[in-house]
Each structure stands twice: as structure tokens, then as C-alpha cells.
């Protein structure tokens, strides 16, 4: 079987992480894979905020939990959060950002890391405090949060769920 197809079939959403750091060079490889994702008209408009600072990671986690009305860690202990944002004025911004997320999750798997798409980046980055975080990083413009790609060493990888039948319709 082709290695890429095998990675697509084997990748899982990891929701349990070991308490150990991820080397920067591995994070950079995952981020780079996201930057190579396809985008509408080749605009390459999504951006990635790579959060490795524990204090900011914990602030993001608390804000994400608050959106759901909770106070747990929606990042499941993962030490890295790769936030994907895209400019709202690009018609394909949600699709483009989604492709960035998918590419990063596949790259993480290929490198032996675990990852999971965590929602609510939109709500969190619509808050003034997190718009300020972007401004402090030098990000200018009106960006919508597309997703949080959490990243770390998997403590447990779930088994694959069976694929549902009846999801392909041929028009030949």
C-alpha cells in the first residue's frame, strides 16, 4: 500500500498525551506541512500560530473550555497548540484553513506524534484578549480561527472505528 494512503488510514485523533516536550524541529516539520496545503487560487492565506509557551497554552485551554461552559482541559494535556486562522475576506478561508489542519495532522502522524482537531478557535480568537495576542505577535488583519491542532507524544492511540457504508455514489 502507498505510504501516504496508509498514513491517511492509520491516523487517529489522539486525546491522551505524555507529559514530555516535543522537539522544535518536529513542530516545524508539522507547521511546514500545513504551509504546503492547497488553497483556493493558490492564495496561501491561512496563518499558523505555534503555541509552545505553557502559560499561553493554558490561557487558550481555559478560554476554549469556557466557550463550552466547562473548566477542564479541552487540549487533553497536549503541550503544543497550532492555531490555524484565515482572513475573513477570503471567500475560501474556512476550506483553506481546514486543508492546513488536515495536512498538519497527517504530518504529525507520519512523525510519530499524536494530534487532534479541537474546535472553538473561532470563538476564542473573536475575544478581545486573543485579538490582542495576535496583535502582540504582529498579526494584522481580520482573522477567523479555523481550528486548534493539538500536538504531542501520544499516551494512547484509539482504535479505528469501522467506516460507515453507503457514503459513495458513483455517477459513471
Protein backbone atom coordinates (compact mmCIF):
# COMPACT_ATOMS: atom_id res chain seq x y z
CA UNK A 1 0.00 0.00 0.00
CA UNK A 2 1.16 3.54 -0.74
CA UNK A 3 2.74 5.21 2.34
CA UNK A 4 0.53 8.30 2.14
CA UNK A 5 -2.68 6.31 1.81
CA UNK A 6 -1.52 4.12 4.70
CA UNK A 7 -0.93 7.24 6.85
CA UNK A 8 -4.41 8.54 5.99
CA UNK A 9 -5.94 5.23 7.08
CA UNK A 10 -3.84 4.90 10.26
CA UNK A 11 -4.04 8.47 11.63
CA UNK A 12 -6.25 8.88 14.68
CA UNK A 13 -7.46 11.77 16.81
CA UNK A 14 -5.39 11.41 19.98
CA UNK A 15 -6.97 12.52 23.24
CA UNK A 16 -4.27 11.43 25.74
CA UNK A 17 -0.70 12.77 25.76
CA UNK A 18 2.53 12.06 27.58
CA UNK A 19 3.96 14.83 29.72
CA UNK A 20 7.09 15.48 27.68
CA UNK A 21 8.06 18.24 25.28
CA UNK A 22 8.02 17.95 21.52
CA UNK A 23 11.32 18.98 19.88
CA UNK A 24 11.03 22.24 17.96
CA UNK A 25 12.31 20.63 14.76
CA UNK A 26 9.35 18.22 14.75
CA UNK A 27 6.90 21.07 15.37
CA UNK A 28 8.49 22.98 12.49
CA UNK A 29 8.04 19.98 10.17
CA UNK A 30 4.35 19.76 11.08
CA UNK A 31 3.89 23.50 10.57
CA UNK A 32 5.72 23.32 7.24
CA UNK A 33 3.35 20.59 6.06
CA UNK A 34 0.46 22.94 6.87
CA UNK A 35 2.06 25.71 4.85
CA UNK A 36 2.16 23.38 1.82
CA UNK A 37 -1.59 22.66 1.98
CA UNK A 38 -3.59 23.57 -1.12
CA UNK A 39 -5.61 26.78 -1.04
CA UNK A 40 -8.18 28.47 -3.23
CA UNK A 41 -6.50 30.16 -6.18
CA UNK A 42 -3.14 29.43 -4.52
CA UNK A 43 -3.64 32.37 -2.14
CA UNK A 44 -1.87 30.67 0.80
CA UNK A 45 -3.83 32.95 3.11
CA UNK A 46 -4.17 30.88 6.33
CA UNK A 47 -1.67 31.53 9.10
CA UNK A 48 -0.48 29.31 11.95
CA UNK A 49 0.24 30.45 15.48
CA UNK A 50 2.55 27.84 17.02
CA UNK A 51 1.96 27.90 20.77
CA UNK A 52 4.66 26.20 22.82
CA UNK A 53 4.61 28.66 25.73
CA UNK A 54 2.87 26.85 28.61
CA UNK A 55 1.26 29.99 30.04
CA UNK A 56 -0.34 30.93 26.70
CA UNK A 57 -1.27 27.31 26.02
CA UNK A 58 -3.05 27.20 29.37
CA UNK A 59 -4.85 30.52 28.68
CA UNK A 60 -6.05 29.14 25.34
CA UNK A 61 -7.21 25.95 27.03
CA UNK A 62 -9.15 27.85 29.71
CA UNK A 63 -10.78 30.13 27.13
CA UNK A 64 -11.68 27.15 24.95
CA UNK A 65 -13.21 25.33 27.93
CA UNK A 66 -15.17 28.46 28.89
CA UNK A 67 -16.79 28.56 25.44
CA UNK A 68 -18.23 25.13 26.27
CA UNK A 69 -19.21 26.20 29.78
CA UNK A 70 -16.59 23.97 31.39
CA UNK A 71 -13.24 24.21 33.11
CA UNK A 72 -11.39 21.04 32.06
CA UNK A 73 -8.53 20.86 29.56
CA UNK A 74 -10.00 20.53 26.07
CA UNK A 75 -6.42 20.10 24.81
CA UNK A 76 -6.10 16.77 26.67
CA UNK A 77 -2.69 17.65 28.11
CA UNK A 78 -1.04 18.17 24.71
CA UNK A 79 1.92 20.53 25.14
CA UNK A 80 1.65 22.19 21.71
CA UNK A 81 -1.26 24.01 20.09
CA UNK A 82 -1.05 25.01 16.43
CA UNK A 83 -3.81 27.54 15.89
CA UNK A 84 -4.92 27.94 12.28
CA UNK A 85 -6.52 31.25 11.36
CA UNK A 86 -7.56 32.63 7.99
CA UNK A 87 -8.55 36.09 6.74
CA UNK A 88 -12.32 36.51 6.76
CA UNK A 89 -12.30 38.42 3.47
CA UNK A 90 -11.04 35.39 1.51
CA UNK A 91 -14.10 33.51 0.21
CA UNK A 92 -12.44 30.11 0.71
CA UNK A 93 -10.91 30.86 4.13
CA UNK A 94 -12.65 28.06 6.04
CA UNK A 95 -11.80 25.46 3.38
CA UNK A 96 -8.21 26.66 3.06
CA UNK A 97 -7.69 26.58 6.82
CA UNK A 98 -9.27 23.13 7.01
CA UNK A 99 -6.76 21.81 4.50
CA UNK A 100 -3.94 23.26 6.62
CA UNK A 101 -5.35 21.41 9.64
CA UNK A 102 -5.59 18.11 7.75
CA UNK A 103 -2.08 18.38 6.35
CA UNK A 104 -0.65 19.08 9.81
CA UNK A 105 -2.47 16.14 11.39
CA UNK A 106 -1.15 13.77 8.71
CA UNK A 107 2.37 15.14 9.11
CA UNK A 108 2.16 14.69 12.88
CA UNK A 109 1.17 11.06 12.42
CA UNK A 110 4.00 10.48 9.95
CA UNK A 111 6.45 11.81 12.55
CA UNK A 112 5.12 9.58 15.33
CA UNK A 113 3.24 12.39 17.07
CA UNK A 114 -0.38 12.48 18.09
CA UNK A 115 -2.76 15.23 17.09
CA UNK A 116 -6.41 16.17 17.26
CA UNK A 117 -8.54 18.95 15.79
CA UNK A 118 -10.05 20.96 18.63
CA UNK A 119 -12.81 23.36 17.67
CA UNK A 120 -13.75 26.75 19.14
CA UNK A 121 -10.73 28.64 17.76
CA UNK A 122 -13.27 30.95 16.09
CA UNK A 123 -14.96 31.87 19.36
CA UNK A 124 -11.69 32.21 21.30
CA UNK A 125 -9.98 34.43 18.71
CA UNK A 126 -13.06 36.62 18.42
CA UNK A 127 -12.41 37.64 22.05
CA UNK A 128 -10.56 40.97 22.51
CA UNK A 129 -7.88 39.35 24.71
CA UNK A 130 -6.89 36.92 21.97
CA UNK A 131 -7.15 39.54 19.22
CA UNK A 132 -4.54 41.31 21.35
CA UNK A 133 -2.38 38.17 21.42
CA UNK A 134 -2.41 38.24 17.62
CA UNK A 135 -1.59 41.95 17.57
CA UNK A 136 1.28 41.38 20.01
CA UNK A 137 2.65 38.76 17.58
CA UNK A 138 2.46 41.28 14.73
CA UNK A 139 -0.59 39.74 13.05
CA UNK A 140 -2.58 42.40 11.24
CA UNK A 141 -5.99 41.94 9.67
CA UNK A 142 -9.32 40.34 10.45
CA UNK A 143 -8.69 36.63 11.02
CA UNK A 144 -11.15 33.88 11.87
CA UNK A 145 -9.99 30.96 13.99
CA UNK A 146 -10.41 27.76 11.96
CA UNK A 147 -9.10 25.17 14.39
CA UNK A 148 -6.61 24.20 17.07
CA UNK A 149 -4.31 21.34 16.12
CA UNK A 150 -3.07 19.93 19.40
CA UNK A 151 0.20 18.08 19.21
CA UNK A 152 2.27 15.84 21.45
CA UNK A 153 3.53 12.36 22.17
CA UNK A 154 0.52 10.03 22.31
CA UNK A 155 -0.11 8.25 25.60
CA UNK A 156 -2.87 6.22 23.99
CA UNK A 157 -3.97 5.88 20.37
CA UNK A 158 -7.58 4.83 19.85
CA UNK A 159 -8.59 2.01 17.55
CA UNK A 160 -10.15 2.88 14.23
CA UNK A 161 -13.91 2.98 14.07
CA UNK A 162 -15.49 1.00 11.24
CA UNK A 163 -16.26 3.07 8.17
CA UNK A 164 -19.96 3.69 7.53
CA UNK A 165 -21.45 2.08 4.43
CA UNK A 166 -23.36 3.93 1.73
CA UNK A 167 -21.18 7.04 1.58
CA UNK A 168 -20.03 6.79 -2.04
CA UNK A 169 -22.29 7.35 -5.02
CA UNK A 170 -20.86 6.69 -8.47
CA UNK A 171 -22.02 8.72 -11.44
CA UNK A 172 -20.23 6.89 -14.25
